[in-house]
Amino acid sequence: MALYSILFHVNEVDRCPVALGNLHNLLKDVGQESIIAEVIVNGPAVVFFSTAVQAREKFPSFWSEEFYQKLVQDMKDLHEMGVCFTVCSTALSLNGINNDQVYPFVTLVPAGITEIVKKQSEGYGYVKP
């Protein structure tokens, strides 16, 4: 039974690696069986979850393709450990990304802000890395 329910909110591209690091530290400390974790992504950070190569133009210039691919693999691994990655469809549209251009492990919601409000009303802790 999970002891903790936590929501990580990422809306800036450069904060995604920080959130993933935070998640690893949390899971290492309390164990994946003790946590229900979701990462909600909205704003410009949605480009990080896009399979569209043109979306990567918004990444920091020092991010190599190899660095990016390692982060994507990290997200896949976290997803297999039970972490849910949720992305705002509105933000995708505003960033020129179609809903079908996200990774298969991503869940889409109409509005990221609504997901945040819902999870907080359900008692989730809120982390903004």
N, C-alpha and C. Protein backbone atom coordinates (compact mmCIF):
# COMPACT_ATOMS: atom_id res chain seq x y z
N MET A 1 0.84 -1.19 0.00
CA MET A 1 0.00 0.00 0.00
C MET A 1 0.88 1.25 0.00
N ALA A 2 0.57 2.18 -0.86
CA ALA A 2 1.36 3.40 -0.98
C ALA A 2 1.14 4.29 0.24
N LEU A 3 2.24 4.83 0.73
CA LEU A 3 2.19 5.77 1.86
C LEU A 3 2.09 7.21 1.39
N TYR A 4 2.62 7.46 0.19
CA TYR A 4 2.72 8.82 -0.30
C TYR A 4 2.16 8.93 -1.72
N SER A 5 1.44 10.01 -1.96
CA SER A 5 0.98 10.35 -3.31
C SER A 5 1.58 11.71 -3.64
N ILE A 6 2.32 11.78 -4.73
CA ILE A 6 3.07 12.99 -5.05
C ILE A 6 2.88 13.38 -6.51
N LEU A 7 2.76 14.66 -6.73
CA LEU A 7 2.61 15.21 -8.07
C LEU A 7 3.77 16.15 -8.35
N PHE A 8 4.53 15.84 -9.38
CA PHE A 8 5.62 16.71 -9.83
C PHE A 8 5.08 17.55 -10.97
N HIS A 9 5.23 18.86 -10.88
CA HIS A 9 4.74 19.78 -11.91
C HIS A 9 5.93 20.34 -12.67
N VAL A 10 5.96 20.08 -13.98
CA VAL A 10 7.05 20.57 -14.83
C VAL A 10 6.43 21.41 -15.95
N ASN A 11 6.84 22.69 -16.02
CA ASN A 11 6.36 23.53 -17.12
C ASN A 11 7.49 24.26 -17.83
N GLU A 12 8.73 24.01 -17.42
CA GLU A 12 9.90 24.58 -18.08
C GLU A 12 10.77 23.44 -18.58
N VAL A 13 11.24 23.55 -19.80
CA VAL A 13 12.01 22.47 -20.44
C VAL A 13 13.21 22.04 -19.59
N ASP A 14 13.95 23.00 -19.07
CA ASP A 14 15.18 22.65 -18.35
C ASP A 14 14.93 22.05 -16.96
N ARG A 15 13.68 22.00 -16.51
CA ARG A 15 13.36 21.44 -15.20
C ARG A 15 13.06 19.94 -15.26
N CYS A 16 12.84 19.42 -16.44
CA CYS A 16 12.49 18.01 -16.57
C CYS A 16 13.60 17.08 -16.03
N PRO A 17 14.86 17.29 -16.40
CA PRO A 17 15.89 16.42 -15.83
C PRO A 17 15.96 16.51 -14.30
N VAL A 18 15.69 17.69 -13.76
CA VAL A 18 15.69 17.87 -12.31
C VAL A 18 14.57 17.05 -11.68
N ALA A 19 13.38 17.10 -12.29
CA ALA A 19 12.24 16.33 -11.78
C ALA A 19 12.54 14.83 -11.81
N LEU A 20 13.17 14.36 -12.88
CA LEU A 20 13.50 12.94 -12.98
C LEU A 20 14.50 12.55 -11.88
N GLY A 21 15.47 13.41 -11.64
CA GLY A 21 16.43 13.16 -10.56
C GLY A 21 15.74 13.13 -9.20
N ASN A 22 14.83 14.07 -8.98
CA ASN A 22 14.06 14.08 -7.73
C ASN A 22 13.27 12.79 -7.55
N LEU A 23 12.65 12.33 -8.63
CA LEU A 23 11.88 11.09 -8.57
C LEU A 23 12.76 9.90 -8.21
N HIS A 24 13.92 9.80 -8.84
CA HIS A 24 14.83 8.71 -8.52
C HIS A 24 15.24 8.75 -7.05
N ASN A 25 15.56 9.93 -6.55
CA ASN A 25 15.95 10.05 -5.15
C ASN A 25 14.82 9.64 -4.22
N LEU A 26 13.61 10.06 -4.54
CA LEU A 26 12.44 9.71 -3.73
C LEU A 26 12.20 8.21 -3.74
N LEU A 27 12.20 7.61 -4.92
CA LEU A 27 11.97 6.17 -5.02
C LEU A 27 13.06 5.37 -4.32
N LYS A 28 14.28 5.83 -4.41
CA LYS A 28 15.40 5.16 -3.75
C LYS A 28 15.25 5.24 -2.23
N ASP A 29 14.78 6.38 -1.75
CA ASP A 29 14.66 6.60 -0.32
C ASP A 29 13.49 5.84 0.31
N VAL A 30 12.31 5.89 -0.31
CA VAL A 30 11.13 5.29 0.31
C VAL A 30 10.67 3.99 -0.35
N GLY A 31 11.20 3.68 -1.54
CA GLY A 31 10.81 2.46 -2.25
C GLY A 31 9.60 2.68 -3.13
N GLN A 32 9.63 2.08 -4.30
CA GLN A 32 8.56 2.33 -5.26
C GLN A 32 7.21 1.80 -4.78
N GLU A 33 7.20 0.83 -3.90
CA GLU A 33 5.93 0.32 -3.37
C GLU A 33 5.27 1.29 -2.40
N SER A 34 6.00 2.29 -1.95
CA SER A 34 5.48 3.26 -0.98
C SER A 34 4.98 4.54 -1.64
N ILE A 35 5.03 4.61 -2.95
CA ILE A 35 4.76 5.89 -3.63
C ILE A 35 3.80 5.73 -4.79
N ILE A 36 2.91 6.69 -4.93
CA ILE A 36 2.15 6.88 -6.16
C ILE A 36 2.64 8.22 -6.69
N ALA A 37 3.25 8.19 -7.86
CA ALA A 37 3.85 9.42 -8.39
C ALA A 37 3.33 9.72 -9.79
N GLU A 38 3.09 11.00 -10.02
CA GLU A 38 2.68 11.47 -11.33
C GLU A 38 3.50 12.72 -11.66
N VAL A 39 3.88 12.81 -12.92
CA VAL A 39 4.54 14.02 -13.42
C VAL A 39 3.55 14.67 -14.38
N ILE A 40 3.12 15.89 -14.04
CA ILE A 40 2.21 16.64 -14.92
C ILE A 40 3.03 17.69 -15.65
N VAL A 41 2.88 17.71 -16.96
CA VAL A 41 3.69 18.60 -17.79
C VAL A 41 2.76 19.51 -18.58
N ASN A 42 3.03 20.82 -18.50
CA ASN A 42 2.30 21.78 -19.30
C ASN A 42 3.25 22.90 -19.70
N GLY A 43 2.73 23.91 -20.37
CA GLY A 43 3.59 25.00 -20.82
C GLY A 43 4.61 24.52 -21.83
N PRO A 44 5.71 25.25 -21.97
CA PRO A 44 6.73 24.91 -22.97
C PRO A 44 7.39 23.54 -22.76
N ALA A 45 7.33 23.01 -21.54
CA ALA A 45 7.98 21.72 -21.25
C ALA A 45 7.36 20.56 -22.00
N VAL A 46 6.18 20.73 -22.58
CA VAL A 46 5.57 19.62 -23.32
C VAL A 46 6.45 19.18 -24.49
N VAL A 47 7.29 20.07 -25.01
CA VAL A 47 8.15 19.68 -26.13
C VAL A 47 9.08 18.54 -25.75
N PHE A 48 9.37 18.41 -24.47
CA PHE A 48 10.25 17.35 -24.00
C PHE A 48 9.64 15.96 -24.22
N PHE A 49 8.32 15.89 -24.29
CA PHE A 49 7.63 14.62 -24.42
C PHE A 49 7.18 14.33 -25.84
N SER A 50 7.67 15.12 -26.76
CA SER A 50 7.28 14.99 -28.17
C SER A 50 8.29 14.15 -28.93
N THR A 51 7.78 13.31 -29.81
CA THR A 51 8.63 12.54 -30.70
C THR A 51 9.05 13.37 -31.91
N ALA A 52 8.45 14.55 -32.08
CA ALA A 52 8.74 15.42 -33.22
C ALA A 52 10.13 16.05 -33.07
N VAL A 53 10.98 15.83 -34.02
CA VAL A 53 12.35 16.34 -33.97
C VAL A 53 12.36 17.87 -33.89
N GLN A 54 11.45 18.55 -34.60
CA GLN A 54 11.44 20.01 -34.59
C GLN A 54 11.16 20.57 -33.20
N ALA A 55 10.52 19.81 -32.33
CA ALA A 55 10.24 20.28 -30.97
C ALA A 55 11.54 20.46 -30.19
N ARG A 56 12.56 19.71 -30.56
CA ARG A 56 13.84 19.77 -29.83
C ARG A 56 14.59 21.07 -30.04
N GLU A 57 14.15 21.87 -30.99
CA GLU A 57 14.77 23.18 -31.21
C GLU A 57 14.62 24.08 -30.00
N LYS A 58 13.67 23.78 -29.14
CA LYS A 58 13.43 24.59 -27.94
C LYS A 58 14.27 24.13 -26.75
N PHE A 59 15.05 23.07 -26.93
CA PHE A 59 15.89 22.58 -25.84
C PHE A 59 17.10 23.48 -25.67
N PRO A 60 17.67 23.50 -24.47
CA PRO A 60 18.93 24.25 -24.29
C PRO A 60 19.97 23.77 -25.28
N SER A 61 20.78 24.69 -25.77
CA SER A 61 21.75 24.38 -26.82
C SER A 61 22.79 23.34 -26.41
N PHE A 62 23.02 23.19 -25.12
CA PHE A 62 24.05 22.24 -24.68
C PHE A 62 23.52 20.81 -24.58
N TRP A 63 22.21 20.59 -24.81
CA TRP A 63 21.67 19.24 -24.77
C TRP A 63 21.98 18.51 -26.06
N SER A 64 22.71 17.44 -25.97
CA SER A 64 23.02 16.63 -27.15
C SER A 64 21.89 15.63 -27.38
N GLU A 65 21.86 15.06 -28.55
CA GLU A 65 20.88 14.02 -28.86
C GLU A 65 21.06 12.84 -27.91
N GLU A 66 22.31 12.52 -27.60
CA GLU A 66 22.59 11.42 -26.69
C GLU A 66 22.01 11.71 -25.30
N PHE A 67 22.18 12.93 -24.81
CA PHE A 67 21.64 13.34 -23.51
C PHE A 67 20.12 13.20 -23.52
N TYR A 68 19.50 13.70 -24.57
CA TYR A 68 18.05 13.63 -24.71
C TYR A 68 17.57 12.18 -24.70
N GLN A 69 18.21 11.32 -25.49
CA GLN A 69 17.80 9.91 -25.56
C GLN A 69 17.94 9.21 -24.20
N LYS A 70 18.97 9.57 -23.44
CA LYS A 70 19.12 8.99 -22.10
C LYS A 70 17.97 9.42 -21.20
N LEU A 71 17.55 10.68 -21.32
CA LEU A 71 16.43 11.16 -20.51
C LEU A 71 15.13 10.47 -20.90
N VAL A 72 14.92 10.25 -22.19
CA VAL A 72 13.72 9.55 -22.64
C VAL A 72 13.73 8.12 -22.08
N GLN A 73 14.88 7.46 -22.12
CA GLN A 73 14.97 6.11 -21.56
C GLN A 73 14.71 6.13 -20.06
N ASP A 74 15.19 7.16 -19.39
CA ASP A 74 14.96 7.32 -17.96
C ASP A 74 13.45 7.44 -17.69
N MET A 75 12.75 8.21 -18.51
CA MET A 75 11.30 8.34 -18.34
C MET A 75 10.60 7.00 -18.56
N LYS A 76 11.03 6.26 -19.57
CA LYS A 76 10.44 4.94 -19.83
C LYS A 76 10.66 4.02 -18.63
N ASP A 77 11.87 4.05 -18.09
CA ASP A 77 12.18 3.22 -16.91
C ASP A 77 11.32 3.61 -15.72
N LEU A 78 11.17 4.91 -15.48
CA LEU A 78 10.33 5.38 -14.38
C LEU A 78 8.87 4.97 -14.61
N HIS A 79 8.42 5.05 -15.85
CA HIS A 79 7.05 4.64 -16.17
C HIS A 79 6.86 3.16 -15.83
N GLU A 80 7.84 2.33 -16.16
CA GLU A 80 7.77 0.90 -15.84
C GLU A 80 7.76 0.66 -14.34
N MET A 81 8.28 1.62 -13.57
CA MET A 81 8.28 1.53 -12.11
C MET A 81 6.98 2.08 -11.52
N GLY A 82 6.06 2.52 -12.38
CA GLY A 82 4.77 2.98 -11.91
C GLY A 82 4.55 4.47 -11.93
N VAL A 83 5.53 5.25 -12.38
CA VAL A 83 5.36 6.70 -12.45
C VAL A 83 4.52 7.03 -13.67
N CYS A 84 3.51 7.87 -13.48
CA CYS A 84 2.63 8.28 -14.57
C CYS A 84 3.10 9.63 -15.11
N PHE A 85 3.25 9.73 -16.42
CA PHE A 85 3.61 10.98 -17.07
C PHE A 85 2.37 11.50 -17.79
N THR A 86 1.91 12.67 -17.40
CA THR A 86 0.69 13.26 -17.93
C THR A 86 1.02 14.59 -18.58
N VAL A 87 0.52 14.78 -19.80
CA VAL A 87 0.84 15.98 -20.58
C VAL A 87 -0.44 16.70 -20.98
N CYS A 88 -0.38 18.02 -20.94
CA CYS A 88 -1.51 18.89 -21.27
C CYS A 88 -1.67 18.99 -22.79
N SER A 89 -2.83 18.58 -23.30
CA SER A 89 -3.11 18.66 -24.74
C SER A 89 -3.16 20.10 -25.24
N THR A 90 -3.66 21.01 -24.42
CA THR A 90 -3.71 22.41 -24.81
C THR A 90 -2.30 22.95 -25.04
N ALA A 91 -1.39 22.64 -24.14
CA ALA A 91 -0.01 23.10 -24.29
C ALA A 91 0.66 22.47 -25.51
N LEU A 92 0.33 21.21 -25.80
CA LEU A 92 0.86 20.59 -27.01
C LEU A 92 0.44 21.40 -28.23
N SER A 93 -0.83 21.69 -28.31
CA SER A 93 -1.36 22.45 -29.45
C SER A 93 -0.70 23.83 -29.56
N LEU A 94 -0.56 24.51 -28.43
CA LEU A 94 0.06 25.84 -28.43
C LEU A 94 1.52 25.80 -28.86
N ASN A 95 2.15 24.63 -28.71
CA ASN A 95 3.54 24.47 -29.11
C ASN A 95 3.68 23.77 -30.46
N GLY A 96 2.58 23.66 -31.20
CA GLY A 96 2.62 23.09 -32.54
C GLY A 96 2.85 21.60 -32.59
N ILE A 97 2.43 20.90 -31.55
CA ILE A 97 2.63 19.45 -31.47
C ILE A 97 1.26 18.77 -31.49
N ASN A 98 1.13 17.78 -32.34
CA ASN A 98 -0.10 16.99 -32.40
C ASN A 98 -0.11 15.97 -31.26
N ASN A 99 -1.31 15.61 -30.82
CA ASN A 99 -1.42 14.62 -29.74
C ASN A 99 -0.77 13.29 -30.08
N ASP A 100 -0.72 12.95 -31.36
CA ASP A 100 -0.12 11.68 -31.75
C ASP A 100 1.41 11.75 -31.84
N GLN A 101 1.99 12.89 -31.49
CA GLN A 101 3.44 13.06 -31.51
C GLN A 101 4.05 13.01 -30.11
N VAL A 102 3.41 12.31 -29.20
CA VAL A 102 3.97 12.13 -27.86
C VAL A 102 4.34 10.66 -27.69
N TYR A 103 5.22 10.41 -26.74
CA TYR A 103 5.65 9.04 -26.49
C TYR A 103 4.48 8.19 -25.99
N PRO A 104 4.50 6.89 -26.30
CA PRO A 104 3.37 6.02 -25.94
C PRO A 104 3.14 5.87 -24.44
N PHE A 105 4.14 6.16 -23.63
CA PHE A 105 3.96 6.03 -22.18
C PHE A 105 3.32 7.27 -21.55
N VAL A 106 2.97 8.25 -22.36
CA VAL A 106 2.40 9.51 -21.89
C VAL A 106 0.87 9.45 -21.94
N THR A 107 0.25 9.96 -20.88
CA THR A 107 -1.20 10.12 -20.82
C THR A 107 -1.52 11.58 -21.11
N LEU A 108 -2.52 11.81 -21.94
CA LEU A 108 -2.92 13.18 -22.27
C LEU A 108 -4.14 13.59 -21.47
N VAL A 109 -4.14 14.86 -21.05
CA VAL A 109 -5.31 15.45 -20.39
C VAL A 109 -5.62 16.76 -21.11
N PRO A 110 -6.88 17.19 -21.09
CA PRO A 110 -7.23 18.43 -21.80
C PRO A 110 -6.53 19.66 -21.25
N ALA A 111 -6.39 19.74 -19.91
CA ALA A 111 -5.78 20.92 -19.29
C ALA A 111 -4.92 20.49 -18.10
N GLY A 112 -3.64 20.81 -18.17
CA GLY A 112 -2.72 20.44 -17.10
C GLY A 112 -3.10 21.05 -15.76
N ILE A 113 -3.55 22.29 -15.79
CA ILE A 113 -3.91 22.96 -14.54
C ILE A 113 -5.06 22.24 -13.84
N THR A 114 -5.99 21.71 -14.62
CA THR A 114 -7.10 20.96 -14.03
C THR A 114 -6.59 19.69 -13.36
N GLU A 115 -5.64 19.01 -13.99
CA GLU A 115 -5.05 17.81 -13.39
C GLU A 115 -4.37 18.14 -12.07
N ILE A 116 -3.68 19.26 -12.02
CA ILE A 116 -3.02 19.68 -10.78
C ILE A 116 -4.05 19.90 -9.68
N VAL A 117 -5.10 20.62 -9.99
CA VAL A 117 -6.16 20.90 -9.00
C VAL A 117 -6.81 19.60 -8.53
N LYS A 118 -7.11 18.70 -9.45
CA LYS A 118 -7.73 17.42 -9.08
C LYS A 118 -6.83 16.63 -8.14
N LYS A 119 -5.56 16.51 -8.50
CA LYS A 119 -4.65 15.71 -7.67
C LYS A 119 -4.46 16.34 -6.30
N GLN A 120 -4.38 17.65 -6.24
CA GLN A 120 -4.25 18.30 -4.94
C GLN A 120 -5.50 18.07 -4.09
N SER A 121 -6.68 18.08 -4.72
CA SER A 121 -7.92 17.84 -3.96
C SER A 121 -8.00 16.38 -3.48
N GLU A 122 -7.25 15.49 -4.15
CA GLU A 122 -7.19 14.09 -3.74
C GLU A 122 -6.10 13.85 -2.69
N GLY A 123 -5.41 14.91 -2.29
CA GLY A 123 -4.41 14.79 -1.24
C GLY A 123 -2.98 14.58 -1.71
N TYR A 124 -2.73 14.70 -3.00
CA TYR A 124 -1.36 14.56 -3.50
C TYR A 124 -0.50 15.70 -3.00
N GLY A 125 0.73 15.38 -2.64
CA GLY A 125 1.71 16.42 -2.35
C GLY A 125 2.13 17.04 -3.67
N TYR A 126 2.57 18.29 -3.64
CA TYR A 126 2.92 19.02 -4.85
C TYR A 126 4.40 19.40 -4.80
N VAL A 127 5.13 19.04 -5.87
CA VAL A 127 6.54 19.38 -5.99
C VAL A 127 6.74 20.13 -7.30
N LYS A 128 7.40 21.25 -7.23
CA LYS A 128 7.72 22.06 -8.42
C LYS A 128 9.24 22.18 -8.47
N PRO A 129 9.90 21.23 -9.17
CA PRO A 129 11.38 21.29 -9.21
C PRO A 129 11.88 22.50 -9.98
